[in-house]
Amino acid sequence: MGRFYCGNRKPIDGGHWIGVFRQLVGARDRVKNGLTKLLETNILIDTMKVELTALEPELQRKSEDTEILMEKLAVDQEQADSVSRQNSFI
C-alpha cells in the first residue's frame, strides 16, 4: 500500500482509508436493507388494512350472532338449572 501525506507531513497508510470505506459501504448496505424491509412492511400493512376493512361487515355480523347465541345459552342454562332443581326435590 502506498503512503499518503497530510498537511503535517505525517504518512497516512492507504489501507486505513480502504477499511473506512468498507465500513461505510457496509453501513450504507445495512441502512438500505432496513429501508427496504420497512417499505415492504408498509405495503403489507396497507394490504392487510384493505382486507380487514372488507371483512369488517362479516366480523360484525358474526359478533352479533355470537351475542345472540350467548343469550340463548344463558336462557337454556337457566331452564336446565330449573329442571335440575325440580328433580332434586322429587
Protein backbone atom coordinates (compact mmCIF):
# COMPACT_ATOMS: atom_id res chain seq x y z
CA MET A 1 0.00 0.00 0.00
CA GLY A 2 1.19 3.45 -0.77
CA ARG A 3 1.57 6.14 1.81
CA PHE A 4 -0.11 9.49 1.64
CA TYR A 5 0.89 12.63 3.47
CA CYS A 6 -1.36 15.08 5.27
CA GLY A 7 -0.61 18.76 5.73
CA ASN A 8 1.56 17.97 8.75
CA ARG A 9 3.71 15.64 6.61
CA LYS A 10 2.96 12.52 8.65
CA PRO A 11 2.42 9.45 6.48
CA ILE A 12 -1.09 8.03 6.40
CA ASP A 13 -1.49 4.40 5.42
CA GLY A 14 -3.82 3.94 2.43
CA GLY A 15 -5.06 0.66 3.90
CA HIS A 16 -6.70 2.63 6.71
CA TRP A 17 -8.88 4.51 4.24
CA ILE A 18 -9.83 1.30 2.44
CA GLY A 19 -11.04 -0.10 5.78
CA VAL A 20 -13.01 3.06 6.50
CA PHE A 21 -14.53 2.91 3.03
CA ARG A 22 -15.56 -0.74 3.51
CA GLN A 23 -17.18 0.12 6.84
CA LEU A 24 -19.13 2.94 5.21
CA VAL A 25 -20.26 0.68 2.36
CA GLY A 26 -21.37 -1.95 4.88
CA ALA A 27 -23.28 0.64 6.91
CA ARG A 28 -24.89 2.00 3.74
CA ASP A 29 -25.97 -1.50 2.72
CA ARG A 30 -27.48 -2.20 6.16
CA VAL A 31 -29.43 1.07 6.04
CA LYS A 32 -30.61 0.28 2.51
CA ASN A 33 -31.74 -3.21 3.55
CA GLY A 34 -33.53 -1.79 6.59
CA LEU A 35 -35.35 0.80 4.50
CA THR A 36 -36.35 -1.90 2.00
CA LYS A 37 -37.78 -4.02 4.83
CA LEU A 38 -39.70 -1.01 6.17
CA LEU A 39 -41.17 -0.33 2.73
CA GLU A 40 -42.18 -3.99 2.32
CA THR A 41 -43.76 -3.94 5.77
CA ASN A 42 -45.72 -0.77 5.00
CA ILE A 43 -47.04 -2.33 1.78
CA LEU A 44 -48.07 -5.46 3.69
CA ILE A 45 -49.82 -3.38 6.36
CA ASP A 46 -51.72 -1.40 3.71
CA THR A 47 -52.85 -4.67 2.09
CA MET A 48 -53.97 -6.06 5.44
CA LYS A 49 -55.91 -2.86 6.21
CA VAL A 50 -57.83 -3.22 2.94
CA GLU A 51 -58.59 -6.88 3.70
CA LEU A 52 -59.70 -6.07 7.25
CA THR A 53 -61.98 -3.29 6.02
CA ALA A 54 -63.55 -5.74 3.56
CA LEU A 55 -64.08 -8.30 6.35
CA GLU A 56 -65.49 -5.81 8.85
CA PRO A 57 -69.20 -6.31 7.98
CA GLU A 58 -68.83 -10.09 8.22
CA LEU A 59 -66.97 -9.81 11.53
CA GLN A 60 -69.68 -7.50 12.89
CA ARG A 61 -72.41 -9.96 11.83
CA LYS A 62 -70.58 -12.88 13.43
CA SER A 63 -70.11 -10.89 16.61
CA GLU A 64 -73.84 -10.18 16.74
CA ASP A 65 -74.61 -13.86 16.05
CA THR A 66 -72.30 -14.84 18.91
CA GLU A 67 -74.04 -12.40 21.23
CA ILE A 68 -77.45 -13.89 20.35
CA LEU A 69 -76.11 -17.42 20.86
CA MET A 70 -74.66 -16.50 24.27
CA GLU A 71 -78.01 -15.05 25.36
CA LYS A 72 -79.80 -18.22 24.20
CA LEU A 73 -77.27 -20.38 26.05
CA ALA A 74 -77.86 -18.37 29.23
CA VAL A 75 -81.63 -18.94 28.93
CA ASP A 76 -81.13 -22.65 28.20
CA GLN A 77 -78.76 -22.98 31.17
CA GLU A 78 -81.31 -21.30 33.45
CA GLN A 79 -84.01 -23.69 32.23
CA ALA A 80 -81.72 -26.69 32.74
CA ASP A 81 -80.87 -25.50 36.26
CA SER A 82 -84.59 -25.07 36.99
CA VAL A 83 -85.37 -28.63 35.83
CA SER A 84 -82.42 -29.94 37.81
CA ARG A 85 -83.67 -28.19 40.98
CA GLN A 86 -87.17 -29.57 40.45
CA ASN A 87 -85.85 -33.11 40.00
CA SER A 88 -83.73 -32.84 43.13
CA PHE A 89 -86.87 -32.23 45.22
CA ILE A 90 -88.52 -35.39 43.96
